[in-house]
Amino acid sequence: MSDTKRCSGYRGVWKCADDYPDHMIPVEMFSISRDTHDGLKGKCLLCSALSNADTNPKYNITNNAISKEAYRIAGSSSIFYKKSKDERLSTRKDAKENIEAKAWLSTILPKPSRDDLPVAKPARKRTNLEPLDKLPPEGWVYIIAASRHASIMKIGSTFEHGVRDRLSEAKRWALAGSAVLLHKEWFSRCKQAESLVHKRLDYYRIVSPDAGDELFRTSFEHALANVMIIKNEVENDRKEQTMG
């Protein structure tokens, strides 16, 4: 094995050129590599350090920032390394001056405080909603799920024209975009009926900070059976009150 090896340099630059103009470097100045035929890396230790300083902020953050600015001034990194050594040094000098100028400007032109920022527009308020105490008591108790065979049901109540809005909000309750309305049942007191259905299904309720109170892990058939039980109970109670 030869006592010297030619250094490949880094992007046309040889850090070792001052001591070895012909780029023939003693083998002890190369790191070991398992990927080459001779077991040594292509760049000597000096050129490897140059590569690390240019590409890895871990080794030289300031130098890396200067390189990025130099590449920007030149047009790209490839154009930069096609320049002569003197041209590259001149470009890097300009890059360093630009960075220092930006740092200086940041001290005399501080960012505006939050008080100087434009006043944010207030959030839009929904004005088409009436207080609950003014809304009629009758409405729908509905069952929404991703499909008829899904295992998670959203069971809630809404007023006469509110089913479409509840269906469009299904995504907020972790239901798929294909969420469908499986059933809706009319009640003379929908909020009371919803509360009774939820009480019957409390064991199956999904408890999660983002789930609200209307998600239940059960089948559609089971959910529907409980809605109809409450329907019959409420209707029977109303009939008895009417007869009395």
Protein backbone atom coordinates (compact mmCIF):
# COMPACT_ATOMS: atom_id res chain seq x y z
CA MET A 1 0.00 0.00 0.00
CA SER A 2 1.27 3.48 -0.93
CA ASP A 3 2.29 5.91 1.80
CA THR A 4 0.28 8.72 0.18
CA LYS A 5 -3.19 9.14 -1.30
CA ARG A 6 -4.74 11.86 -3.41
CA CYS A 7 -7.24 13.99 -1.47
CA SER A 8 -10.52 14.64 -3.28
CA GLY A 9 -11.02 17.97 -1.52
CA TYR A 10 -14.40 19.52 -0.87
CA ARG A 11 -16.34 21.07 -3.76
CA GLY A 12 -13.20 22.04 -5.58
CA VAL A 13 -11.52 23.41 -2.47
CA TRP A 14 -8.49 21.80 -0.80
CA LYS A 15 -7.81 22.90 2.74
CA CYS A 16 -4.62 20.87 2.57
CA ALA A 17 -3.34 22.64 -0.57
CA ASP A 18 -0.98 24.97 1.32
CA ASP A 19 1.05 22.05 2.64
CA TYR A 20 0.39 19.61 -0.21
CA PRO A 21 -0.07 21.52 -3.50
CA ASP A 22 -0.26 18.27 -5.49
CA HIS A 23 -3.04 16.96 -3.15
CA MET A 24 -1.02 13.83 -2.41
CA ILE A 25 -1.49 13.41 1.34
CA PRO A 26 0.08 10.92 3.76
CA VAL A 27 -2.38 8.07 4.44
CA GLU A 28 -2.31 8.75 8.19
CA MET A 29 -4.20 11.99 7.46
CA PHE A 30 -7.29 10.08 6.24
CA SER A 31 -10.05 8.58 8.34
CA ILE A 32 -10.91 4.91 8.00
CA SER A 33 -13.87 3.97 5.79
CA ARG A 34 -15.44 0.58 5.13
CA ASP A 35 -17.01 1.78 1.88
CA THR A 36 -13.83 2.32 -0.16
CA HIS A 37 -11.49 -0.17 -1.77
CA ASP A 38 -8.45 1.07 0.15
CA GLY A 39 -10.26 1.46 3.48
CA LEU A 40 -9.75 5.23 3.65
CA LYS A 41 -12.08 8.17 3.11
CA GLY A 42 -11.68 10.30 0.00
CA LYS A 43 -11.11 13.57 1.89
CA CYS A 44 -8.22 14.14 4.25
CA LEU A 45 -8.89 15.29 7.82
CA LEU A 46 -8.41 18.96 6.89
CA CYS A 47 -10.89 18.84 4.00
CA SER A 48 -13.32 16.76 6.07
CA ALA A 49 -13.26 19.52 8.69
CA LEU A 50 -13.96 22.06 5.93
CA SER A 51 -16.94 19.98 4.80
CA ASN A 52 -18.30 19.70 8.33
CA ALA A 53 -17.94 23.43 8.97
CA ASP A 54 -19.80 24.21 5.75
CA THR A 55 -22.66 21.72 5.99
CA ASN A 56 -23.22 20.99 9.67
CA PRO A 57 -24.32 23.81 12.02
CA LYS A 58 -23.15 21.64 14.91
CA TYR A 59 -19.56 22.43 14.01
CA ASN A 60 -19.75 26.08 13.01
CA ILE A 61 -23.06 27.92 13.12
CA THR A 62 -21.62 31.30 12.11
CA ASN A 63 -19.67 29.89 9.19
CA ASN A 64 -22.72 27.99 7.99
CA ALA A 65 -24.82 31.18 8.04
CA ILE A 66 -22.13 32.97 6.04
CA SER A 67 -22.08 30.14 3.51
CA LYS A 68 -25.85 30.33 3.01
CA GLU A 69 -25.63 34.07 2.42
CA ALA A 70 -22.69 33.58 0.05
CA TYR A 71 -24.68 31.00 -1.94
CA ARG A 72 -27.57 33.45 -2.12
CA ILE A 73 -25.33 36.23 -3.41
CA ALA A 74 -23.73 33.94 -6.00
CA GLY A 75 -27.07 32.50 -7.14
CA SER A 76 -26.57 28.95 -5.88
CA SER A 77 -23.96 26.77 -4.19
CA SER A 78 -22.92 25.22 -7.51
CA ILE A 79 -22.30 28.67 -9.06
CA PHE A 80 -20.39 29.70 -5.95
CA TYR A 81 -17.97 26.77 -6.18
CA LYS A 82 -17.36 27.38 -9.89
CA LYS A 83 -15.78 30.72 -9.00
CA SER A 84 -12.06 31.12 -8.43
CA LYS A 85 -10.67 31.03 -4.92
CA ASP A 86 -10.28 34.81 -4.81
CA GLU A 87 -13.85 35.30 -6.05
CA ARG A 88 -15.20 32.92 -3.42
CA LEU A 89 -13.31 34.74 -0.68
CA SER A 90 -14.68 38.06 -1.91
CA THR A 91 -18.24 36.69 -1.97
CA ARG A 92 -17.89 35.29 1.54
CA LYS A 93 -16.61 38.67 2.71
CA ASP A 94 -19.72 40.34 1.27
CA ALA A 95 -21.91 37.68 2.89
CA LYS A 96 -20.33 38.28 6.30
CA GLU A 97 -20.85 42.05 5.96
CA ASN A 98 -24.52 41.49 5.05
CA ILE A 99 -25.08 39.31 8.12
CA GLU A 100 -23.39 41.83 10.39
CA ALA A 101 -25.46 44.65 8.87
CA LYS A 102 -28.71 42.74 9.47
CA ALA A 103 -27.69 42.08 13.07
CA TRP A 104 -26.95 45.77 13.57
CA LEU A 105 -30.26 46.86 12.04
CA SER A 106 -32.14 44.54 14.38
CA THR A 107 -30.71 46.50 17.33
CA ILE A 108 -31.77 49.92 16.08
CA LEU A 109 -35.05 48.78 14.49
CA PRO A 110 -36.59 46.49 17.12
CA LYS A 111 -39.74 44.54 16.40
CA PRO A 112 -42.91 46.45 17.26
CA SER A 113 -44.54 45.65 20.56
CA ARG A 114 -47.93 44.02 20.63
CA ASP A 115 -49.48 47.40 21.43
CA ASP A 116 -48.28 48.71 18.04
CA LEU A 117 -49.83 45.86 16.07
CA PRO A 118 -53.15 46.37 14.24
CA VAL A 119 -56.21 45.74 16.35
CA ALA A 120 -57.59 42.29 15.63
CA LYS A 121 -61.11 42.09 14.35
CA PRO A 122 -63.54 40.53 16.83
CA ALA A 123 -64.75 37.05 16.03
CA ARG A 124 -68.04 36.87 14.20
CA LYS A 125 -71.00 36.23 16.43
CA ARG A 126 -73.84 33.97 15.45
CA THR A 127 -76.91 36.18 15.60
CA ASN A 128 -79.40 33.65 14.26
CA LEU A 129 -79.61 31.70 17.51
CA GLU A 130 -82.28 32.35 20.09
CA PRO A 131 -81.97 31.62 23.81
CA LEU A 132 -82.92 28.07 24.68
CA ASP A 133 -85.77 29.24 26.89
CA LYS A 134 -87.41 30.87 23.83
CA LEU A 135 -87.12 27.80 21.59
CA PRO A 136 -90.04 25.37 21.36
CA PRO A 137 -89.67 22.21 23.48
CA GLU A 138 -90.49 19.81 20.65
CA GLY A 139 -87.81 18.47 18.33
CA TRP A 140 -85.77 15.48 17.19
CA VAL A 141 -83.66 12.95 19.04
CA TYR A 142 -81.21 11.71 16.40
CA ILE A 143 -78.60 8.98 15.93
CA ILE A 144 -75.58 9.77 13.73
CA ALA A 145 -72.67 7.45 12.89
CA ALA A 146 -70.03 6.87 10.20
CA SER A 147 -72.19 4.03 8.86
CA ARG A 148 -75.02 1.77 9.94
CA HIS A 149 -72.50 -0.81 11.17
CA ALA A 150 -70.24 1.63 13.05
CA SER A 151 -69.54 1.05 16.73
CA ILE A 152 -69.68 4.71 17.82
CA MET A 153 -73.02 6.54 17.86
CA LYS A 154 -73.66 10.22 18.37
CA ILE A 155 -77.03 10.58 20.09
CA GLY A 156 -78.33 14.07 20.61
CA SER A 157 -81.31 16.35 20.21
CA THR A 158 -82.08 19.29 18.01
CA PHE A 159 -85.03 21.38 17.01
CA GLU A 160 -87.21 21.09 13.95
CA HIS A 161 -84.74 22.29 11.30
CA GLY A 162 -81.48 21.47 13.07
CA VAL A 163 -80.75 17.91 11.90
CA ARG A 164 -78.78 19.03 8.84
CA ASP A 165 -76.54 21.25 10.98
CA ARG A 166 -75.89 18.42 13.43
CA LEU A 167 -74.94 16.13 10.57
CA SER A 168 -72.49 18.65 9.13
CA GLU A 169 -70.79 18.89 12.54
CA ALA A 170 -70.15 15.14 12.68
CA LYS A 171 -66.44 15.58 11.84
CA ARG A 172 -65.94 17.47 15.07
CA TRP A 173 -66.95 14.37 16.97
CA ALA A 174 -64.31 12.12 15.37
CA LEU A 175 -66.79 10.71 12.89
CA ALA A 176 -65.78 10.09 9.29
CA GLY A 177 -66.62 12.48 6.49
CA SER A 178 -69.21 9.96 5.30
CA ALA A 179 -71.22 10.27 8.55
CA VAL A 180 -74.89 9.48 8.02
CA LEU A 181 -78.12 10.09 9.87
CA LEU A 182 -79.33 6.65 10.95
CA HIS A 183 -82.52 7.67 12.71
CA LYS A 184 -84.46 10.62 14.06
CA GLU A 185 -87.45 10.47 16.38
CA TRP A 186 -89.82 13.33 17.12
CA PHE A 187 -90.52 14.20 20.75
CA SER A 188 -92.76 16.83 22.26
CA ARG A 189 -89.94 17.51 24.77
CA CYS A 190 -86.74 16.58 22.92
CA LYS A 191 -84.27 17.78 25.55
CA GLN A 192 -85.97 15.74 28.24
CA ALA A 193 -86.06 12.69 25.96
CA GLU A 194 -82.37 13.09 25.10
CA SER A 195 -81.48 13.21 28.79
CA LEU A 196 -83.46 10.03 29.48
CA VAL A 197 -81.82 8.19 26.57
CA HIS A 198 -78.37 9.27 27.74
CA LYS A 199 -79.17 8.05 31.24
CA ARG A 200 -80.11 4.61 29.92
CA LEU A 201 -76.91 4.42 27.85
CA ASP A 202 -74.59 5.94 30.44
CA TYR A 203 -72.58 2.69 30.76
CA TYR A 204 -71.64 2.96 27.05
CA ARG A 205 -70.72 6.65 27.11
CA ILE A 206 -67.26 7.54 25.74
CA VAL A 207 -65.46 9.57 28.38
CA SER A 208 -62.86 11.86 26.81
CA PRO A 209 -62.03 15.59 27.06
CA ASP A 210 -62.90 16.05 23.36
CA ALA A 211 -65.89 13.69 23.17
CA GLY A 212 -68.57 15.81 24.80
CA ASP A 213 -71.59 14.01 26.27
CA GLU A 214 -73.19 12.57 23.14
CA LEU A 215 -70.84 9.77 21.99
CA PHE A 216 -71.60 6.16 22.89
CA ARG A 217 -69.80 2.94 22.00
CA THR A 218 -72.71 0.71 21.07
CA SER A 219 -74.55 -0.67 18.05
CA PHE A 220 -77.22 1.19 16.12
CA GLU A 221 -79.81 -1.43 17.02
CA HIS A 222 -79.09 -1.03 20.74
CA ALA A 223 -79.17 2.77 20.52
CA LEU A 224 -82.43 2.74 18.56
CA ALA A 225 -84.06 0.31 21.00
CA ASN A 226 -83.34 2.67 23.89
CA VAL A 227 -84.66 5.69 21.98
CA MET A 228 -87.91 3.82 21.27
CA ILE A 229 -88.22 2.72 24.90
CA ILE A 230 -88.08 6.37 25.97
CA LYS A 231 -90.53 7.23 23.18
CA ASN A 232 -93.05 4.75 24.51
CA GLU A 233 -92.54 5.83 28.12
CA VAL A 234 -92.94 9.52 27.30
CA GLU A 235 -96.00 8.90 25.12
CA ASN A 236 -97.63 6.71 27.78
CA ASP A 237 -96.96 9.32 30.46
CA ARG A 238 -98.52 11.99 28.28
CA LYS A 239 -101.60 9.87 27.63
CA GLU A 240 -102.04 9.23 31.34
CA GLN A 241 -101.71 12.93 32.10
CA THR A 242 -104.25 13.74 29.40
CA MET A 243 -106.70 11.14 30.70
CA GLY A 244 -106.24 12.33 34.26
